[in-house]
Amino acid sequence: MKKTSAAAAALQALADPTRRQLFEHLRAGPRAVGELARTTPVSRPAVSQHLAVLKAAGLVRDKARGTRRVYEIDPKGLGEIRAWIDDMWEGALRAFAADVESDADNETSDTGAPKSP
């Protein structure tokens, strides 16, 4: 259940358009807060707050480089989301397979021969 809550926290963090935009900018590689602030219409302190939410959700990590904080995507957080999606996908595939099997069973007669159209 821990993975589900981690994935939920990550998805909730990404629900905010500004945080999602910041996260997408980090796809290109590590960025300093000031550099990220120039890419959004919000103030630098607001960018820092958004990054703190992304960090708490496990989606980004930061490192000190001199007087700057440099943020990058944390692959572990993405892994939590992927595991959740994979689990959902597996469930959907099982349900689809069961539905196909049920349809196939309904198309055959009691003797096992296909029903005529």
PDB file of N, CA and C in Angstrom:
ATOM      1  N   MET A   1       0.832  -1.198   0.000  1.00  0.00           N
ATOM      2  CA  MET A   1       0.000   0.000   0.000  1.00  0.00           C
ATOM      3  C   MET A   1       0.869   1.251   0.000  1.00  0.00           C
ATOM      4  N   LYS A   2       2.121   1.130   0.439  1.00  0.00           N
ATOM      5  CA  LYS A   2       3.018   2.272   0.486  1.00  0.00           C
ATOM      6  C   LYS A   2       3.243   2.854  -0.905  1.00  0.00           C
ATOM      7  N   LYS A   3       3.402   1.985  -1.918  1.00  0.00           N
ATOM      8  CA  LYS A   3       3.626   2.470  -3.271  1.00  0.00           C
ATOM      9  C   LYS A   3       2.431   3.249  -3.771  1.00  0.00           C
ATOM     10  N   THR A   4       1.234   2.796  -3.433  1.00  0.00           N
ATOM     11  CA  THR A   4       0.037   3.497  -3.859  1.00  0.00           C
ATOM     12  C   THR A   4       0.011   4.900  -3.267  1.00  0.00           C
ATOM     13  N   SER A   5       0.339   5.037  -1.983  1.00  0.00           N
ATOM     14  CA  SER A   5       0.308   6.366  -1.364  1.00  0.00           C
ATOM     15  C   SER A   5       1.424   7.246  -1.916  1.00  0.00           C
ATOM     16  N   ALA A   6       2.579   6.659  -2.231  1.00  0.00           N
ATOM     17  CA  ALA A   6       3.665   7.439  -2.825  1.00  0.00           C
ATOM     18  C   ALA A   6       3.267   7.909  -4.215  1.00  0.00           C
ATOM     19  N   ALA A   7       2.652   7.035  -4.984  1.00  0.00           N
ATOM     20  CA  ALA A   7       2.200   7.417  -6.320  1.00  0.00           C
ATOM     21  C   ALA A   7       1.109   8.472  -6.224  1.00  0.00           C
ATOM     22  N   ALA A   8       0.210   8.327  -5.257  1.00  0.00           N
ATOM     23  CA  ALA A   8      -0.870   9.308  -5.079  1.00  0.00           C
ATOM     24  C   ALA A   8      -0.299  10.679  -4.744  1.00  0.00           C
ATOM     25  N   ALA A   9       0.708  10.715  -3.876  1.00  0.00           N
ATOM     26  CA  ALA A   9       1.336  11.995  -3.513  1.00  0.00           C
ATOM     27  C   ALA A   9       2.007  12.625  -4.733  1.00  0.00           C
ATOM     28  N   ALA A  10       2.664  11.801  -5.530  1.00  0.00           N
ATOM     29  CA  ALA A  10       3.339  12.309  -6.726  1.00  0.00           C
ATOM     30  C   ALA A  10       2.327  12.845  -7.730  1.00  0.00           C
ATOM     31  N   LEU A  11       1.260  12.098  -7.955  1.00  0.00           N
ATOM     32  CA  LEU A  11       0.238  12.549  -8.891  1.00  0.00           C
ATOM     33  C   LEU A  11      -0.459  13.812  -8.398  1.00  0.00           C
ATOM     34  N   GLN A  12      -0.687  13.892  -7.095  1.00  0.00           N
ATOM     35  CA  GLN A  12      -1.307  15.093  -6.530  1.00  0.00           C
ATOM     36  C   GLN A  12      -0.386  16.300  -6.716  1.00  0.00           C
ATOM     37  N   ALA A  13       0.910  16.103  -6.518  1.00  0.00           N
ATOM     38  CA  ALA A  13       1.858  17.207  -6.703  1.00  0.00           C
ATOM     39  C   ALA A  13       1.869  17.678  -8.151  1.00  0.00           C
ATOM     40  N   LEU A  14       1.778  16.731  -9.077  1.00  0.00           N
ATOM     41  CA  LEU A  14       1.809  17.087 -10.498  1.00  0.00           C
ATOM     42  C   LEU A  14       0.475  17.632 -11.008  1.00  0.00           C
ATOM     43  N   ALA A  15      -0.565  17.569 -10.188  1.00  0.00           N
ATOM     44  CA  ALA A  15      -1.863  18.089 -10.600  1.00  0.00           C
ATOM     45  C   ALA A  15      -1.837  19.610 -10.768  1.00  0.00           C
ATOM     46  N   ASP A  16      -0.926  20.268 -10.072  1.00  0.00           N
ATOM     47  CA  ASP A  16      -0.808  21.723 -10.185  1.00  0.00           C
ATOM     48  C   ASP A  16      -0.062  22.064 -11.480  1.00  0.00           C
ATOM     49  N   PRO A  17      -0.625  22.924 -12.331  1.00  0.00           N
ATOM     50  CA  PRO A  17       0.009  23.235 -13.619  1.00  0.00           C
ATOM     51  C   PRO A  17       1.412  23.844 -13.495  1.00  0.00           C
ATOM     52  N   THR A  18       1.634  24.682 -12.497  1.00  0.00           N
ATOM     53  CA  THR A  18       2.954  25.289 -12.334  1.00  0.00           C
ATOM     54  C   THR A  18       3.986  24.232 -11.946  1.00  0.00           C
ATOM     55  N   ARG A  19       3.615  23.354 -11.017  1.00  0.00           N
ATOM     56  CA  ARG A  19       4.547  22.287 -10.630  1.00  0.00           C
ATOM     57  C   ARG A  19       4.821  21.353 -11.798  1.00  0.00           C
ATOM     58  N   ARG A  20       3.785  21.059 -12.569  1.00  0.00           N
ATOM     59  CA  ARG A  20       3.967  20.195 -13.729  1.00  0.00           C
ATOM     60  C   ARG A  20       4.906  20.855 -14.735  1.00  0.00           C
ATOM     61  N   GLN A  21       4.771  22.155 -14.924  1.00  0.00           N
ATOM     62  CA  GLN A  21       5.646  22.892 -15.840  1.00  0.00           C
ATOM     63  C   GLN A  21       7.092  22.862 -15.348  1.00  0.00           C
ATOM     64  N   LEU A  22       7.288  23.076 -14.057  1.00  0.00           N
ATOM     65  CA  LEU A  22       8.640  23.018 -13.493  1.00  0.00           C
ATOM     66  C   LEU A  22       9.236  21.619 -13.673  1.00  0.00           C
ATOM     67  N   PHE A  23       8.432  20.608 -13.404  1.00  0.00           N
ATOM     68  CA  PHE A  23       8.883  19.229 -13.547  1.00  0.00           C
ATOM     69  C   PHE A  23       9.278  18.944 -14.997  1.00  0.00           C
ATOM     70  N   GLU A  24       8.472  19.419 -15.926  1.00  0.00           N
ATOM     71  CA  GLU A  24       8.776  19.207 -17.347  1.00  0.00           C
ATOM     72  C   GLU A  24      10.063  19.908 -17.754  1.00  0.00           C
ATOM     73  N   HIS A  25      10.350  21.072 -17.179  1.00  0.00           N
ATOM     74  CA  HIS A  25      11.610  21.764 -17.481  1.00  0.00           C
ATOM     75  C   HIS A  25      12.804  20.956 -16.982  1.00  0.00           C
ATOM     76  N   LEU A  26      12.599  20.209 -15.923  1.00  0.00           N
ATOM     77  CA  LEU A  26      13.694  19.405 -15.376  1.00  0.00           C
ATOM     78  C   LEU A  26      13.985  18.158 -16.213  1.00  0.00           C
ATOM     79  N   ARG A  27      13.117  17.833 -17.136  1.00  0.00           N
ATOM     80  CA  ARG A  27      13.370  16.683 -18.019  1.00  0.00           C
ATOM     81  C   ARG A  27      14.650  16.881 -18.821  1.00  0.00           C
ATOM     82  N   ALA A  28      14.981  18.123 -19.112  1.00  0.00           N
ATOM     83  CA  ALA A  28      16.182  18.422 -19.896  1.00  0.00           C
ATOM     84  C   ALA A  28      17.457  18.305 -19.068  1.00  0.00           C
ATOM     85  N   GLY A  29      17.320  18.206 -17.761  1.00  0.00           N
ATOM     86  CA  GLY A  29      18.484  18.074 -16.888  1.00  0.00           C
ATOM     87  C   GLY A  29      18.379  18.978 -15.682  1.00  0.00           C
ATOM     88  N   PRO A  30      19.355  18.875 -14.783  1.00  0.00           N
ATOM     89  CA  PRO A  30      19.340  19.673 -13.549  1.00  0.00           C
ATOM     90  C   PRO A  30      19.286  21.171 -13.839  1.00  0.00           C
ATOM     91  N   ARG A  31      18.544  21.873 -12.989  1.00  0.00           N
ATOM     92  CA  ARG A  31      18.394  23.327 -13.136  1.00  0.00           C
ATOM     93  C   ARG A  31      18.416  23.984 -11.769  1.00  0.00           C
ATOM     94  N   ALA A  32      18.991  25.168 -11.717  1.00  0.00           N
ATOM     95  CA  ALA A  32      18.992  25.968 -10.492  1.00  0.00           C
ATOM     96  C   ALA A  32      17.633  26.648 -10.345  1.00  0.00           C
ATOM     97  N   VAL A  33      17.294  27.004  -9.129  1.00  0.00           N
ATOM     98  CA  VAL A  33      16.003  27.638  -8.849  1.00  0.00           C
ATOM     99  C   VAL A  33      15.826  28.900  -9.698  1.00  0.00           C
ATOM    100  N   GLY A  34      16.853  29.730  -9.774  1.00  0.00           N
ATOM    101  CA  GLY A  34      16.758  30.967 -10.554  1.00  0.00           C
ATOM    102  C   GLY A  34      16.470  30.711 -12.023  1.00  0.00           C
ATOM    103  N   GLU A  35      17.103  29.699 -12.560  1.00  0.00           N
ATOM    104  CA  GLU A  35      16.877  29.343 -13.961  1.00  0.00           C
ATOM    105  C   GLU A  35      15.429  28.868 -14.166  1.00  0.00           C
ATOM    106  N   LEU A  36      14.941  28.074 -13.230  1.00  0.00           N
ATOM    107  CA  LEU A  36      13.555  27.611 -13.320  1.00  0.00           C
ATOM    108  C   LEU A  36      12.580  28.771 -13.157  1.00  0.00           C
ATOM    109  N   ALA A  37      12.906  29.711 -12.292  1.00  0.00           N
ATOM    110  CA  ALA A  37      12.021  30.861 -12.061  1.00  0.00           C
ATOM    111  C   ALA A  37      11.859  31.691 -13.326  1.00  0.00           C
ATOM    112  N   ARG A  38      12.888  31.735 -14.154  1.00  0.00           N
ATOM    113  CA  ARG A  38      12.792  32.498 -15.405  1.00  0.00           C
ATOM    114  C   ARG A  38      11.856  31.829 -16.415  1.00  0.00           C
ATOM    115  N   THR A  39      11.520  30.560 -16.210  1.00  0.00           N
ATOM    116  CA  THR A  39      10.679  29.842 -17.173  1.00  0.00           C
ATOM    117  C   THR A  39       9.199  29.858 -16.795  1.00  0.00           C
ATOM    118  N   THR A  40       8.874  30.458 -15.650  1.00  0.00           N
ATOM    119  CA  THR A  40       7.483  30.463 -15.188  1.00  0.00           C
ATOM    120  C   THR A  40       7.047  31.879 -14.844  1.00  0.00           C
ATOM    121  N   PRO A  41       5.745  32.106 -14.823  1.00  0.00           N
ATOM    122  CA  PRO A  41       5.248  33.446 -14.505  1.00  0.00           C
ATOM    123  C   PRO A  41       5.121  33.714 -13.004  1.00  0.00           C
ATOM    124  N   VAL A  42       5.691  32.857 -12.165  1.00  0.00           N
ATOM    125  CA  VAL A  42       5.592  33.052 -10.718  1.00  0.00           C
ATOM    126  C   VAL A  42       6.936  33.506 -10.163  1.00  0.00           C
ATOM    127  N   SER A  43       6.913  34.037  -8.952  1.00  0.00           N
ATOM    128  CA  SER A  43       8.123  34.570  -8.330  1.00  0.00           C
ATOM    129  C   SER A  43       9.094  33.446  -7.951  1.00  0.00           C
ATOM    130  N   ARG A  44      10.317  33.837  -7.715  1.00  0.00           N
ATOM    131  CA  ARG A  44      11.332  32.868  -7.302  1.00  0.00           C
ATOM    132  C   ARG A  44      10.960  32.180  -5.982  1.00  0.00           C
ATOM    133  N   PRO A  45      10.461  32.912  -4.972  1.00  0.00           N
ATOM    134  CA  PRO A  45      10.030  32.229  -3.753  1.00  0.00           C
ATOM    135  C   PRO A  45       8.903  31.221  -4.012  1.00  0.00           C
ATOM    136  N   ALA A  46       7.983  31.565  -4.928  1.00  0.00           N
ATOM    137  CA  ALA A  46       6.900  30.637  -5.257  1.00  0.00           C
ATOM    138  C   ALA A  46       7.452  29.392  -5.948  1.00  0.00           C
ATOM    139  N   VAL A  47       8.448  29.567  -6.812  1.00  0.00           N
ATOM    140  CA  VAL A  47       9.094  28.425  -7.462  1.00  0.00           C
ATOM    141  C   VAL A  47       9.725  27.525  -6.405  1.00  0.00           C
ATOM    142  N   SER A  48      10.385  28.123  -5.434  1.00  0.00           N
ATOM    143  CA  SER A  48      10.991  27.340  -4.359  1.00  0.00           C
ATOM    144  C   SER A  48       9.939  26.546  -3.589  1.00  0.00           C
ATOM    145  N   GLN A  49       8.785  27.156  -3.351  1.00  0.00           N
ATOM    146  CA  GLN A  49       7.704  26.454  -2.644  1.00  0.00           C
ATOM    147  C   GLN A  49       7.176  25.289  -3.484  1.00  0.00           C
ATOM    148  N   HIS A  50       7.006  25.513  -4.773  1.00  0.00           N
ATOM    149  CA  HIS A  50       6.545  24.448  -5.660  1.00  0.00           C
ATOM    150  C   HIS A  50       7.566  23.303  -5.707  1.00  0.00           C
ATOM    151  N   LEU A  51       8.832  23.657  -5.749  1.00  0.00           N
ATOM    152  CA  LEU A  51       9.876  22.627  -5.763  1.00  0.00           C
ATOM    153  C   LEU A  51       9.891  21.841  -4.452  1.00  0.00           C
ATOM    154  N   ALA A  52       9.590  22.516  -3.353  1.00  0.00           N
ATOM    155  CA  ALA A  52       9.520  21.822  -2.058  1.00  0.00           C
ATOM    156  C   ALA A  52       8.400  20.783  -2.059  1.00  0.00           C
ATOM    157  N   VAL A  53       7.275  21.108  -2.698  1.00  0.00           N
ATOM    158  CA  VAL A  53       6.167  20.156  -2.794  1.00  0.00           C
ATOM    159  C   VAL A  53       6.581  18.962  -3.659  1.00  0.00           C
ATOM    160  N   LEU A  54       7.238  19.247  -4.789  1.00  0.00           N
ATOM    161  CA  LEU A  54       7.706  18.172  -5.661  1.00  0.00           C
ATOM    162  C   LEU A  54       8.734  17.288  -4.952  1.00  0.00           C
ATOM    163  N   LYS A  55       9.573  17.911  -4.148  1.00  0.00           N
ATOM    164  CA  LYS A  55      10.575  17.149  -3.390  1.00  0.00           C
ATOM    165  C   LYS A  55       9.907  16.283  -2.327  1.00  0.00           C
ATOM    166  N   ALA A  56       8.936  16.839  -1.616  1.00  0.00           N
ATOM    167  CA  ALA A  56       8.217  16.079  -0.580  1.00  0.00           C
ATOM    168  C   ALA A  56       7.468  14.893  -1.192  1.00  0.00           C
ATOM    169  N   ALA A  57       7.042  15.033  -2.441  1.00  0.00           N
ATOM    170  CA  ALA A  57       6.340  13.958  -3.138  1.00  0.00           C
ATOM    171  C   ALA A  57       7.312  12.941  -3.735  1.00  0.00           C
ATOM    172  N   GLY A  58       8.616  13.212  -3.591  1.00  0.00           N
ATOM    173  CA  GLY A  58       9.622  12.281  -4.094  1.00  0.00           C
ATOM    174  C   GLY A  58       9.903  12.390  -5.577  1.00  0.00           C
ATOM    175  N   LEU A  59       9.466  13.472  -6.203  1.00  0.00           N
ATOM    176  CA  LEU A  59       9.645  13.620  -7.648  1.00  0.00           C
ATOM    177  C   LEU A  59      10.941  14.305  -8.047  1.00  0.00           C
ATOM    178  N   VAL A  60      11.472  15.147  -7.155  1.00  0.00           N
ATOM    179  CA  VAL A  60      12.739  15.828  -7.444  1.00  0.00           C
ATOM    180  C   VAL A  60      13.653  15.719  -6.232  1.00  0.00           C
ATOM    181  N   ARG A  61      14.915  15.915  -6.483  1.00  0.00           N
ATOM    182  CA  ARG A  61      15.900  15.996  -5.405  1.00  0.00           C
ATOM    183  C   ARG A  61      16.771  17.211  -5.701  1.00  0.00           C
ATOM    184  N   ASP A  62      17.421  17.715  -4.680  1.00  0.00           N
ATOM    185  CA  ASP A  62      18.238  18.905  -4.860  1.00  0.00           C
ATOM    186  C   ASP A  62      19.622  18.688  -4.279  1.00  0.00           C
ATOM    187  N   LYS A  63      20.529  19.496  -4.792  1.00  0.00           N
ATOM    188  CA  LYS A  63      21.913  19.481  -4.321  1.00  0.00           C
ATOM    189  C   LYS A  63      22.380  20.921  -4.191  1.00  0.00           C
ATOM    190  N   ALA A  64      23.205  21.145  -3.195  1.00  0.00           N
ATOM    191  CA  ALA A  64      23.795  22.478  -3.041  1.00  0.00           C
ATOM    192  C   ALA A  64      25.002  22.563  -3.957  1.00  0.00           C
ATOM    193  N   ARG A  65      25.052  23.630  -4.724  1.00  0.00           N
ATOM    194  CA  ARG A  65      26.219  23.925  -5.561  1.00  0.00           C
ATOM    195  C   ARG A  65      26.589  25.377  -5.283  1.00  0.00           C
ATOM    196  N   GLY A  66      27.540  25.524  -4.387  1.00  0.00           N
ATOM    197  CA  GLY A  66      27.889  26.869  -3.938  1.00  0.00           C
ATOM    198  C   GLY A  66      26.720  27.440  -3.163  1.00  0.00           C
ATOM    199  N   THR A  67      26.260  28.613  -3.579  1.00  0.00           N
ATOM    200  CA  THR A  67      25.129  29.245  -2.904  1.00  0.00           C
ATOM    201  C   THR A  67      23.795  28.901  -3.574  1.00  0.00           C
ATOM    202  N   ARG A  68      23.848  28.085  -4.616  1.00  0.00           N
ATOM    203  CA  ARG A  68      22.631  27.747  -5.362  1.00  0.00           C
ATOM    204  C   ARG A  68      22.129  26.348  -5.005  1.00  0.00           C
ATOM    205  N   ARG A  69      20.821  26.156  -5.162  1.00  0.00           N
ATOM    206  CA  ARG A  69      20.206  24.828  -5.053  1.00  0.00           C
ATOM    207  C   ARG A  69      19.883  24.388  -6.475  1.00  0.00           C
ATOM    208  N   VAL A  70      20.351  23.218  -6.826  1.00  0.00           N
ATOM    209  CA  VAL A  70      20.106  22.677  -8.155  1.00  0.00           C
ATOM    210  C   VAL A  70      19.176  21.476  -8.015  1.00  0.00           C
ATOM    211  N   TYR A  71      18.112  21.495  -8.783  1.00  0.00           N
ATOM    212  CA  TYR A  71      17.091  20.446  -8.716  1.00  0.00           C
ATOM    213  C   TYR A  71      17.175  19.560  -9.949  1.00  0.00           C
ATOM    214  N   GLU A  72      16.834  18.293  -9.725  1.00  0.00           N
ATOM    215  CA  GLU A  72      16.757  17.334 -10.824  1.00  0.00           C
ATOM    216  C   GLU A  72      15.641  16.339 -10.517  1.00  0.00           C
ATOM    217  N   ILE A  73      15.164  15.667 -11.545  1.00  0.00           N
ATOM    218  CA  ILE A  73      14.129  14.652 -11.364  1.00  0.00           C
ATOM    219  C   ILE A  73      14.716  13.486 -10.585  1.00  0.00           C
ATOM    220  N   ASP A  74      13.944  12.992  -9.634  1.00  0.00           N
ATOM    221  CA  ASP A  74      14.342  11.813  -8.863  1.00  0.00           C
ATOM    222  C   ASP A  74      13.697  10.593  -9.512  1.00  0.00           C
ATOM    223  N   PRO A  75      14.489   9.707 -10.105  1.00  0.00           N
ATOM    224  CA  PRO A  75      13.923   8.544 -10.793  1.00  0.00           C
ATOM    225  C   PRO A  75      13.081   7.643  -9.884  1.00  0.00           C
ATOM    226  N   LYS A  76      13.349   7.653  -8.582  1.00  0.00           N
ATOM    227  CA  LYS A  76      12.565   6.825  -7.660  1.00  0.00           C
ATOM    228  C   LYS A  76      11.099   7.252  -7.662  1.00  0.00           C
ATOM    229  N   GLY A  77      10.860   8.549  -7.667  1.00  0.00           N
ATOM    230  CA  GLY A  77       9.484   9.059  -7.682  1.00  0.00           C
ATOM    231  C   GLY A  77       8.755   8.675  -8.957  1.00  0.00           C
ATOM    232  N   LEU A  78       9.463   8.761 -10.065  1.00  0.00           N
ATOM    233  CA  LEU A  78       8.857   8.337 -11.324  1.00  0.00           C
ATOM    234  C   LEU A  78       8.595   6.843 -11.300  1.00  0.00           C
ATOM    235  N   GLY A  79       9.471   6.104 -10.657  1.00  0.00           N
ATOM    236  CA  GLY A  79       9.283   4.660 -10.537  1.00  0.00           C
ATOM    237  C   GLY A  79       8.016   4.314  -9.775  1.00  0.00           C
ATOM    238  N   GLU A  80       7.697   5.102  -8.761  1.00  0.00           N
ATOM    239  CA  GLU A  80       6.463   4.872  -7.992  1.00  0.00           C
ATOM    240  C   GLU A  80       5.238   5.066  -8.871  1.00  0.00           C
ATOM    241  N   ILE A  81       5.260   6.118  -9.691  1.00  0.00           N
ATOM    242  CA  ILE A  81       4.135   6.372 -10.593  1.00  0.00           C
ATOM    243  C   ILE A  81       4.042   5.255 -11.627  1.00  0.00           C
ATOM    244  N   ARG A  82       5.184   4.885 -12.167  1.00  0.00           N
ATOM    245  CA  ARG A  82       5.184   3.822 -13.182  1.00  0.00           C
ATOM    246  C   ARG A  82       4.670   2.503 -12.600  1.00  0.00           C
ATOM    247  N   ALA A  83       5.101   2.153 -11.391  1.00  0.00           N
ATOM    248  CA  ALA A  83       4.638   0.916 -10.757  1.00  0.00           C
ATOM    249  C   ALA A  83       3.120   0.946 -10.572  1.00  0.00           C
ATOM    250  N   TRP A  84       2.593   2.097 -10.189  1.00  0.00           N
ATOM    251  CA  TRP A  84       1.154   2.236 -10.007  1.00  0.00           C
ATOM    252  C   TRP A  84       0.431   2.064 -11.344  1.00  0.00           C
ATOM    253  N   ILE A  85       0.935   2.719 -12.381  1.00  0.00           N
ATOM    254  CA  ILE A  85       0.323   2.608 -13.712  1.00  0.00           C
ATOM    255  C   ILE A  85       0.438   1.173 -14.221  1.00  0.00           C
ATOM    256  N   ASP A  86       1.604   0.551 -14.049  1.00  0.00           N
ATOM    257  CA  ASP A  86       1.775  -0.843 -14.481  1.00  0.00           C
ATOM    258  C   ASP A  86       0.781  -1.755 -13.785  1.00  0.00           C
ATOM    259  N   ASP A  87       0.564  -1.535 -12.493  1.00  0.00           N
ATOM    260  CA  ASP A  87      -0.389  -2.343 -11.745  1.00  0.00           C
ATOM    261  C   ASP A  87      -1.803  -2.132 -12.291  1.00  0.00           C
ATOM    262  N   MET A  88      -2.150  -0.897 -12.572  1.00  0.00           N
ATOM    263  CA  MET A  88      -3.462  -0.593 -13.140  1.00  0.00           C
ATOM    264  C   MET A  88      -3.598  -1.254 -14.515  1.00  0.00           C
ATOM    265  N   TRP A  89      -2.554  -1.183 -15.312  1.00  0.00           N
ATOM    266  CA  TRP A  89      -2.551  -1.747 -16.655  1.00  0.00           C
ATOM    267  C   TRP A  89      -2.699  -3.268 -16.593  1.00  0.00           C
ATOM    268  N   GLU A  90      -1.988  -3.900 -15.683  1.00  0.00           N
ATOM    269  CA  GLU A  90      -2.098  -5.355 -15.525  1.00  0.00           C
ATOM    270  C   GLU A  90      -3.524  -5.751 -15.173  1.00  0.00           C
ATOM    271  N   GLY A  91      -4.143  -5.005 -14.282  1.00  0.00           N
ATOM    272  CA  GLY A  91      -5.530  -5.269 -13.918  1.00  0.00           C
ATOM    273  C   GLY A  91      -6.471  -5.105 -15.104  1.00  0.00           C
ATOM    274  N   ALA A  92      -6.234  -4.069 -15.896  1.00  0.00           N
ATOM    275  CA  ALA A  92      -7.067  -3.832 -17.075  1.00  0.00           C
ATOM    276  C   ALA A  92      -6.891  -4.962 -18.092  1.00  0.00           C
ATOM    277  N   LEU A  93      -5.671  -5.424 -18.269  1.00  0.00           N
ATOM    278  CA  LEU A  93      -5.423  -6.521 -19.207  1.00  0.00           C
ATOM    279  C   LEU A  93      -6.086  -7.820 -18.738  1.00  0.00           C
ATOM    280  N   ARG A  94      -6.010  -8.081 -17.425  1.00  0.00           N
ATOM    281  CA  ARG A  94      -6.675  -9.287 -16.891  1.00  0.00           C
ATOM    282  C   ARG A  94      -8.183  -9.212 -17.117  1.00  0.00           C
ATOM    283  N   ALA A  95      -8.764  -8.052 -16.876  1.00  0.00           N
ATOM    284  CA  ALA A  95     -10.208  -7.876 -17.072  1.00  0.00           C
ATOM    285  C   ALA A  95     -10.569  -8.033 -18.545  1.00  0.00           C
ATOM    286  N   PHE A  96      -9.740  -7.502 -19.423  1.00  0.00           N
ATOM    287  CA  PHE A  96      -9.986  -7.630 -20.864  1.00  0.00           C
ATOM    288  C   PHE A  96      -9.904  -9.094 -21.286  1.00  0.00           C
ATOM    289  N   ALA A  97      -8.884  -9.812 -20.818  1.00  0.00           N
ATOM    290  CA  ALA A  97      -8.737 -11.231 -21.154  1.00  0.00           C
ATOM    291  C   ALA A  97      -9.939 -12.030 -20.661  1.00  0.00           C
ATOM    292  N   ALA A  98     -10.403 -11.745 -19.450  1.00  0.00           N
ATOM    293  CA  ALA A  98     -11.569 -12.449 -18.908  1.00  0.00           C
ATOM    294  C   ALA A  98     -12.808 -12.150 -19.748  1.00  0.00           C
ATOM    295  N   ASP A  99     -12.949 -10.916 -20.200  1.00  0.00           N
ATOM    296  CA  ASP A  99     -14.095 -10.539 -21.031  1.00  0.00           C
ATOM    297  C   ASP A  99     -14.045 -11.252 -22.376  1.00  0.00           C
ATOM    298  N   VAL A 100     -12.863 -11.326 -22.979  1.00  0.00           N
ATOM    299  CA  VAL A 100     -12.697 -12.014 -24.259  1.00  0.00           C
ATOM    300  C   VAL A 100     -13.025 -13.496 -24.096  1.00  0.00           C
ATOM    301  N   GLU A 101     -12.528 -14.102 -23.032  1.00  0.00           N
ATOM    302  CA  GLU A 101     -12.812 -15.518 -22.775  1.00  0.00           C
ATOM    303  C   GLU A 101     -14.309 -15.742 -22.564  1.00  0.00           C
ATOM    304  N   SER A 102     -14.951 -14.840 -21.865  1.00  0.00           N
ATOM    305  CA  SER A 102     -16.390 -14.953 -21.623  1.00  0.00           C
ATOM    306  C   SER A 102     -17.158 -14.852 -22.928  1.00  0.00           C
ATOM    307  N   ASP A 103     -16.756 -13.914 -23.795  1.00  0.00           N
ATOM    308  CA  ASP A 103     -17.403 -13.772 -25.102  1.00  0.00           C
ATOM    309  C   ASP A 103     -17.204 -15.029 -25.942  1.00  0.00           C
ATOM    310  N   ALA A 104     -16.017 -15.608 -25.900  1.00  0.00           N
ATOM    311  CA  ALA A 104     -15.725 -16.827 -26.665  1.00  0.00           C
ATOM    312  C   ALA A 104     -16.565 -17.984 -26.150  1.00  0.00           C
ATOM    313  N   ASP A 105     -16.718 -18.077 -24.841  1.00  0.00           N
ATOM    314  CA  ASP A 105     -17.540 -19.137 -24.254  1.00  0.00           C
ATOM    315  C   ASP A 105     -19.002 -18.980 -24.656  1.00  0.00           C
ATOM    316  N   ASN A 106     -19.467 -17.745 -24.741  1.00  0.00           N
ATOM    317  CA  ASN A 106     -20.863 -17.488 -25.111  1.00  0.00           C
ATOM    318  C   ASN A 106     -21.130 -17.742 -26.584  1.00  0.00           C
ATOM    319  N   GLU A 107     -20.102 -17.751 -27.413  1.00  0.00           N
ATOM    320  CA  GLU A 107     -20.268 -17.954 -28.847  1.00  0.00           C
ATOM    321  C   GLU A 107     -20.259 -19.424 -29.233  1.00  0.00           C
ATOM    322  N   THR A 108     -19.956 -20.323 -28.326  1.00  0.00           N
ATOM    323  CA  THR A 108     -19.971 -21.748 -28.642  1.00  0.00           C
ATOM    324  C   THR A 108     -21.233 -22.382 -28.090  1.00  0.00           C
ATOM    325  N   SER A 109     -21.691 -23.421 -28.769  1.00  0.00           N
ATOM    326  CA  SER A 109     -22.889 -24.133 -28.296  1.00  0.00           C
ATOM    327  C   SER A 109     -22.494 -25.125 -27.217  1.00  0.00           C
ATOM    328  N   ASP A 110     -23.463 -25.817 -26.675  1.00  0.00           N
ATOM    329  CA  ASP A 110     -23.198 -26.808 -25.640  1.00  0.00           C
ATOM    330  C   ASP A 110     -22.319 -27.936 -26.157  1.00  0.00           C
ATOM    331  N   THR A 111     -22.291 -28.170 -27.476  1.00  0.00           N
ATOM    332  CA  THR A 111     -21.475 -29.248 -28.035  1.00  0.00           C
ATOM    333  C   THR A 111     -20.062 -28.789 -28.305  1.00  0.00           C
ATOM    334  N   GLY A 112     -19.803 -27.513 -28.109  1.00  0.00           N
ATOM    335  CA  GLY A 112     -18.464 -26.993 -28.344  1.00  0.00           C
ATOM    336  C   GLY A 112     -18.265 -26.456 -29.740  1.00  0.00           C
ATOM    337  N   ALA A 113     -19.274 -26.624 -30.605  1.00  0.00           N
ATOM    338  CA  ALA A 113     -19.161 -26.104 -31.961  1.00  0.00           C
ATOM    339  C   ALA A 113     -19.563 -24.635 -31.961  1.00  0.00           C
ATOM    340  N   PRO A 114     -18.933 -23.854 -32.815  1.00  0.00           N
ATOM    341  CA  PRO A 114     -19.311 -22.436 -32.885  1.00  0.00           C
ATOM    342  C   PRO A 114     -20.762 -22.288 -33.298  1.00  0.00           C
ATOM    343  N   LYS A 115     -21.438 -21.303 -32.721  1.00  0.00           N
ATOM    344  CA  LYS A 115     -22.822 -21.013 -33.104  1.00  0.00           C
ATOM    345  C   LYS A 115     -22.814 -20.391 -34.483  1.00  0.00           C
ATOM    346  N   SER A 116     -23.833 -20.681 -35.252  1.00  0.00           N
ATOM    347  CA  SER A 116     -23.923 -20.067 -36.582  1.00  0.00           C
ATOM    348  C   SER A 116     -24.457 -18.652 -36.433  1.00  0.00           C
ATOM    349  N   PRO A 117     -24.018 -17.745 -37.307  1.00  0.00           N
ATOM    350  CA  PRO A 117     -24.430 -16.340 -37.195  1.00  0.00           C
ATOM    351  C   PRO A 117     -25.857 -16.072 -37.473  1.00  0.00           C
TER     352      PRO A 117
END
